Amino acid sequence: MKVAGLGFKRDVTLASLREALFAAGGPAGLAAVATVSDKADAEVLKQLARECGVPIKAVSADVLAGVDTPTQSNRVVEKFGTGSVAEAAALAAAGPRARLIAMRVVSQDRTATAAIAEGDGA
């Protein structure tokens, strides 16, 4: 199962989310998109998921905090307890033995990040 993890600011646009996803490898073969649970209902994320034809997996902040990521953002560590919301969400949603196949990439306007993990599902 291939999952795209997405991190984003509240004012993100669909274009920025889409840009980050495509920079990470695009929607081909995705089983889901994932993000922190308090942003899983964002309309812009719902639009992207509809475009890709995949469900949204909400990952609790507690679960994200336990995921070690290769990318480390000090701001994200302070807020979420993990180095990258995108990487942590992708890994958590893809299952216990998931591995990153695309590390975090950032949209040009710096409002969206995306990473892709592959695993056997949760």
Protein backbone atom coordinates (compact mmCIF):
# COMPACT_ATOMS: atom_id res chain seq x y z
CA MET A 1 0.00 0.00 0.00
CA LYS A 2 1.37 3.38 -1.02
CA VAL A 3 0.36 6.44 1.03
CA ALA A 4 1.15 10.13 0.53
CA GLY A 5 1.61 12.04 3.76
CA LEU A 6 0.78 15.73 3.61
CA GLY A 7 1.61 18.56 5.94
CA PHE A 8 0.23 22.01 5.29
CA LYS A 9 -0.51 25.44 6.66
CA ARG A 10 -4.12 26.49 7.22
CA ASP A 11 -4.01 28.92 4.26
CA VAL A 12 -2.70 26.34 1.77
CA THR A 13 -4.15 26.28 -1.73
CA LEU A 14 -5.10 23.23 -3.75
CA ALA A 15 -2.38 24.19 -6.24
CA SER A 16 0.29 24.11 -3.51
CA LEU A 17 -0.87 20.73 -2.15
CA ARG A 18 -0.96 19.34 -5.68
CA GLU A 19 2.52 20.76 -6.42
CA ALA A 20 4.01 19.10 -3.33
CA LEU A 21 2.34 15.77 -4.11
CA PHE A 22 3.61 15.77 -7.69
CA ALA A 23 7.12 16.75 -6.54
CA ALA A 24 7.09 13.71 -4.24
CA GLY A 25 6.13 11.38 -7.07
CA GLY A 26 2.51 12.06 -7.87
CA PRO A 27 -0.75 10.25 -7.20
CA ALA A 28 -0.19 7.16 -9.36
CA GLY A 29 -0.70 4.01 -7.32
CA LEU A 30 -1.69 5.77 -4.10
CA ALA A 31 -4.07 3.96 -1.76
CA ALA A 32 -4.64 7.03 0.44
CA VAL A 33 -3.45 10.45 1.52
CA ALA A 34 -2.73 11.03 5.20
CA THR A 35 -2.25 13.97 7.54
CA VAL A 36 -2.57 14.93 11.19
CA SER A 37 -6.13 14.36 12.37
CA ASP A 38 -6.90 18.00 13.21
CA LYS A 39 -6.40 18.92 9.54
CA ALA A 40 -7.97 15.85 7.93
CA ASP A 41 -11.27 17.66 7.39
CA ALA A 42 -9.72 20.60 5.52
CA GLU A 43 -11.72 21.26 2.37
CA VAL A 44 -8.59 21.68 0.25
CA LEU A 45 -7.36 18.22 1.34
CA LYS A 46 -10.76 16.73 0.54
CA GLN A 47 -10.52 18.27 -2.94
CA LEU A 48 -7.08 16.76 -3.52
CA ALA A 49 -8.21 13.34 -2.28
CA ARG A 50 -11.22 13.47 -4.65
CA GLU A 51 -8.92 14.39 -7.56
CA CYS A 52 -6.71 11.41 -6.75
CA GLY A 53 -9.65 9.09 -6.09
CA VAL A 54 -8.34 8.05 -2.67
CA PRO A 55 -9.52 8.28 0.95
CA ILE A 56 -7.99 10.49 3.63
CA LYS A 57 -6.36 8.75 6.59
CA ALA A 58 -6.32 10.88 9.73
CA VAL A 59 -3.34 10.22 12.02
CA SER A 60 -3.52 11.42 15.60
CA ALA A 61 -0.88 13.82 16.86
CA ASP A 62 0.05 11.24 19.52
CA VAL A 63 0.87 8.68 16.84
CA LEU A 64 2.84 11.22 14.78
CA ALA A 65 4.92 12.13 17.83
CA GLY A 66 6.19 8.55 18.01
CA VAL A 67 7.42 8.38 14.41
CA ASP A 68 11.10 8.98 13.70
CA THR A 69 11.63 10.82 10.41
CA PRO A 70 14.77 11.50 8.38
CA THR A 71 13.76 15.13 7.88
CA GLN A 72 13.86 17.34 10.96
CA SER A 73 12.14 20.73 11.18
CA ASN A 74 12.64 22.42 14.56
CA ARG A 75 9.24 24.12 14.32
CA VAL A 76 7.49 20.83 13.55
CA VAL A 77 9.37 19.00 16.32
CA GLU A 78 8.21 21.64 18.83
CA LYS A 79 4.60 21.47 17.68
CA PHE A 80 4.15 17.78 16.83
CA GLY A 81 7.04 15.88 18.40
CA THR A 82 8.21 14.55 15.02
CA GLY A 83 10.51 16.05 12.42
CA SER A 84 8.08 15.99 9.49
CA VAL A 85 4.30 15.73 9.53
CA ALA A 86 4.30 14.55 5.91
CA GLU A 87 6.83 11.78 6.48
CA ALA A 88 5.36 10.69 9.81
CA ALA A 89 1.78 10.62 8.46
CA ALA A 90 2.84 8.62 5.39
CA LEU A 91 4.76 6.10 7.50
CA ALA A 92 2.04 5.74 10.14
CA ALA A 93 -0.75 5.31 7.59
CA ALA A 94 1.16 2.84 5.41
CA GLY A 95 1.58 0.32 8.24
CA PRO A 96 4.04 -0.90 10.86
CA ARG A 97 6.78 -1.96 8.42
CA ALA A 98 6.42 1.01 6.07
CA ARG A 99 9.38 2.72 4.47
CA LEU A 100 9.69 6.08 2.80
CA ILE A 101 10.01 5.95 -0.95
CA ALA A 102 9.96 9.76 -1.29
CA MET A 103 11.24 12.00 1.47
CA ARG A 104 9.54 15.28 2.28
CA VAL A 105 9.35 17.87 -0.46
CA VAL A 106 8.08 21.42 0.01
CA SER A 107 5.88 23.51 -2.28
CA GLN A 108 7.47 26.66 -3.69
CA ASP A 109 5.33 28.88 -1.46
CA ARG A 110 6.31 26.74 1.58
CA THR A 111 2.69 26.08 2.61
CA ALA A 112 2.60 22.35 1.77
CA THR A 113 4.84 19.32 2.21
CA ALA A 114 4.45 15.80 0.86
CA ALA A 115 6.19 12.46 1.34
CA ILE A 116 5.31 8.97 0.15
CA ALA A 117 5.64 5.70 2.05
CA GLU A 118 5.02 2.12 1.06
CA GLY A 119 3.94 -0.58 3.46
CA ASP A 120 1.60 -3.45 4.09
CA GLY A 121 -1.22 -1.38 5.57
CA ALA A 122 -2.34 -1.03 9.15
